[in-house]
Amino acid sequence: YEQLVALENKFKTTRYLSVCERLNLALSLSLTETQV
């Protein structure tokens, strides 16, 4: 059971991080496009 909870927490964290990474990527891309 503890392993399941740990996996769930890890999944949530990873999912959240991936969303942040996507946002950062989009921001950096738009910045690059603006500079060019």
PDB file of N, CA and C in Angstrom:
ATOM      1  N   TYR A   1       0.845  -1.211   0.000  1.00  0.00           N
ATOM      2  CA  TYR A   1       0.000   0.000   0.000  1.00  0.00           C
ATOM      3  C   TYR A   1       0.875   1.254   0.000  1.00  0.00           C
ATOM      4  N   GLU A   2       1.917   1.227   0.813  1.00  0.00           N
ATOM      5  CA  GLU A   2       2.807   2.407   0.872  1.00  0.00           C
ATOM      6  C   GLU A   2       3.459   2.652  -0.484  1.00  0.00           C
ATOM      7  N   GLN A   3       3.821   1.569  -1.154  1.00  0.00           N
ATOM      8  CA  GLN A   3       4.437   1.713  -2.474  1.00  0.00           C
ATOM      9  C   GLN A   3       3.463   2.370  -3.442  1.00  0.00           C
ATOM     10  N   LEU A   4       2.190   1.974  -3.347  1.00  0.00           N
ATOM     11  CA  LEU A   4       1.172   2.535  -4.234  1.00  0.00           C
ATOM     12  C   LEU A   4       1.053   4.038  -4.009  1.00  0.00           C
ATOM     13  N   VAL A   5       1.008   4.443  -2.751  1.00  0.00           N
ATOM     14  CA  VAL A   5       0.899   5.870  -2.422  1.00  0.00           C
ATOM     15  C   VAL A   5       2.128   6.617  -2.940  1.00  0.00           C
ATOM     16  N   ALA A   6       3.298   6.017  -2.755  1.00  0.00           N
ATOM     17  CA  ALA A   6       4.530   6.653  -3.211  1.00  0.00           C
ATOM     18  C   ALA A   6       4.502   6.819  -4.729  1.00  0.00           C
ATOM     19  N   LEU A   7       4.015   5.794  -5.415  1.00  0.00           N
ATOM     20  CA  LEU A   7       3.933   5.871  -6.875  1.00  0.00           C
ATOM     21  C   LEU A   7       2.965   6.962  -7.298  1.00  0.00           C
ATOM     22  N   GLU A   8       1.840   7.039  -6.603  1.00  0.00           N
ATOM     23  CA  GLU A   8       0.850   8.072  -6.932  1.00  0.00           C
ATOM     24  C   GLU A   8       1.442   9.461  -6.741  1.00  0.00           C
ATOM     25  N   ASN A   9       2.125   9.662  -5.614  1.00  0.00           N
ATOM     26  CA  ASN A   9       2.732  10.972  -5.345  1.00  0.00           C
ATOM     27  C   ASN A   9       3.780  11.301  -6.403  1.00  0.00           C
ATOM     28  N   LYS A  10       4.579  10.311  -6.756  1.00  0.00           N
ATOM     29  CA  LYS A  10       5.618  10.526  -7.762  1.00  0.00           C
ATOM     30  C   LYS A  10       4.978  10.887  -9.094  1.00  0.00           C
ATOM     31  N   PHE A  11       3.879  10.194  -9.437  1.00  0.00           N
ATOM     32  CA  PHE A  11       3.194  10.470 -10.699  1.00  0.00           C
ATOM     33  C   PHE A  11       2.661  11.891 -10.714  1.00  0.00           C
ATOM     34  N   LYS A  12       2.026  12.289  -9.614  1.00  0.00           N
ATOM     35  CA  LYS A  12       1.477  13.651  -9.529  1.00  0.00           C
ATOM     36  C   LYS A  12       2.591  14.679  -9.682  1.00  0.00           C
ATOM     37  N   THR A  13       3.703  14.442  -8.976  1.00  0.00           N
ATOM     38  CA  THR A  13       4.822  15.379  -9.040  1.00  0.00           C
ATOM     39  C   THR A  13       5.385  15.442 -10.457  1.00  0.00           C
ATOM     40  N   THR A  14       5.568  14.280 -11.057  1.00  0.00           N
ATOM     41  CA  THR A  14       6.121  14.237 -12.414  1.00  0.00           C
ATOM     42  C   THR A  14       5.186  14.942 -13.381  1.00  0.00           C
ATOM     43  N   ARG A  15       3.890  14.698 -13.222  1.00  0.00           N
ATOM     44  CA  ARG A  15       2.917  15.323 -14.110  1.00  0.00           C
ATOM     45  C   ARG A  15       2.979  16.842 -13.948  1.00  0.00           C
ATOM     46  N   TYR A  16       3.056  17.308 -12.711  1.00  0.00           N
ATOM     47  CA  TYR A  16       3.108  18.744 -12.445  1.00  0.00           C
ATOM     48  C   TYR A  16       4.374  19.344 -13.054  1.00  0.00           C
ATOM     49  N   LEU A  17       5.483  18.639 -12.878  1.00  0.00           N
ATOM     50  CA  LEU A  17       6.746  19.136 -13.416  1.00  0.00           C
ATOM     51  C   LEU A  17       6.687  19.210 -14.939  1.00  0.00           C
ATOM     52  N   SER A  18       6.094  18.187 -15.546  1.00  0.00           N
ATOM     53  CA  SER A  18       6.029  18.182 -17.007  1.00  0.00           C
ATOM     54  C   SER A  18       5.214  19.374 -17.501  1.00  0.00           C
ATOM     55  N   VAL A  19       4.172  19.723 -16.772  1.00  0.00           N
ATOM     56  CA  VAL A  19       3.351  20.879 -17.150  1.00  0.00           C
ATOM     57  C   VAL A  19       4.185  22.148 -17.053  1.00  0.00           C
ATOM     58  N   CYS A  20       4.948  22.283 -15.983  1.00  0.00           N
ATOM     59  CA  CYS A  20       5.809  23.461 -15.802  1.00  0.00           C
ATOM     60  C   CYS A  20       6.856  23.507 -16.909  1.00  0.00           C
ATOM     61  N   GLU A  21       7.419  22.355 -17.224  1.00  0.00           N
ATOM     62  CA  GLU A  21       8.439  22.311 -18.270  1.00  0.00           C
ATOM     63  C   GLU A  21       7.843  22.749 -19.600  1.00  0.00           C
ATOM     64  N   ARG A  22       6.608  22.306 -19.865  1.00  0.00           N
ATOM     65  CA  ARG A  22       5.950  22.697 -21.115  1.00  0.00           C
ATOM     66  C   ARG A  22       5.747  24.204 -21.151  1.00  0.00           C
ATOM     67  N   LEU A  23       5.343  24.774 -20.006  1.00  0.00           N
ATOM     68  CA  LEU A  23       5.118  26.221 -19.948  1.00  0.00           C
ATOM     69  C   LEU A  23       6.433  26.963 -20.174  1.00  0.00           C
ATOM     70  N   ASN A  24       7.483  26.494 -19.505  1.00  0.00           N
ATOM     71  CA  ASN A  24       8.787  27.135 -19.666  1.00  0.00           C
ATOM     72  C   ASN A  24       9.253  27.035 -21.111  1.00  0.00           C
ATOM     73  N   LEU A  25       9.023  25.875 -21.718  1.00  0.00           N
ATOM     74  CA  LEU A  25       9.429  25.679 -23.104  1.00  0.00           C
ATOM     75  C   LEU A  25       8.671  26.637 -24.015  1.00  0.00           C
ATOM     76  N   ALA A  26       7.372  26.752 -23.785  1.00  0.00           N
ATOM     77  CA  ALA A  26       6.553  27.653 -24.602  1.00  0.00           C
ATOM     78  C   ALA A  26       7.017  29.093 -24.422  1.00  0.00           C
ATOM     79  N   LEU A  27       7.333  29.462 -23.180  1.00  0.00           N
ATOM     80  CA  LEU A  27       7.785  30.826 -22.914  1.00  0.00           C
ATOM     81  C   LEU A  27       9.110  31.095 -23.609  1.00  0.00           C
ATOM     82  N   SER A  28      10.044  30.164 -23.496  1.00  0.00           N
ATOM     83  CA  SER A  28      11.352  30.357 -24.121  1.00  0.00           C
ATOM     84  C   SER A  28      11.206  30.393 -25.638  1.00  0.00           C
ATOM     85  N   LEU A  29      10.291  29.586 -26.168  1.00  0.00           N
ATOM     86  CA  LEU A  29      10.073  29.581 -27.616  1.00  0.00           C
ATOM     87  C   LEU A  29       9.509  30.920 -28.074  1.00  0.00           C
ATOM     88  N   SER A  30       8.527  31.425 -27.346  1.00  0.00           N
ATOM     89  CA  SER A  30       7.923  32.704 -27.726  1.00  0.00           C
ATOM     90  C   SER A  30       8.952  33.826 -27.602  1.00  0.00           C
ATOM     91  N   LEU A  31       9.812  33.749 -26.598  1.00  0.00           N
ATOM     92  CA  LEU A  31      10.852  34.766 -26.432  1.00  0.00           C
ATOM     93  C   LEU A  31      11.802  34.731 -27.623  1.00  0.00           C
ATOM     94  N   THR A  32      12.169  33.515 -28.025  1.00  0.00           N
ATOM     95  CA  THR A  32      13.068  33.374 -29.172  1.00  0.00           C
ATOM     96  C   THR A  32      12.405  33.928 -30.422  1.00  0.00           C
ATOM     97  N   GLU A  33      11.134  33.608 -30.603  1.00  0.00           N
ATOM     98  CA  GLU A  33      10.416  34.090 -31.784  1.00  0.00           C
ATOM     99  C   GLU A  33      10.351  35.611 -31.790  1.00  0.00           C
ATOM    100  N   THR A  34      10.149  36.198 -30.610  1.00  0.00           N
ATOM    101  CA  THR A  34      10.066  37.653 -30.526  1.00  0.00           C
ATOM    102  C   THR A  34      11.420  38.281 -30.857  1.00  0.00           C
ATOM    103  N   GLN A  35      12.494  37.692 -30.346  1.00  0.00           N
ATOM    104  CA  GLN A  35      13.826  38.224 -30.605  1.00  0.00           C
ATOM    105  C   GLN A  35      14.150  38.143 -32.094  1.00  0.00           C
ATOM    106  N   VAL A  36      13.726  37.069 -32.732  1.00  0.00           N
ATOM    107  CA  VAL A  36      14.005  36.895 -34.159  1.00  0.00           C
ATOM    108  C   VAL A  36      12.976  37.699 -34.936  1.00  0.00           C
TER     109      VAL A  36
END
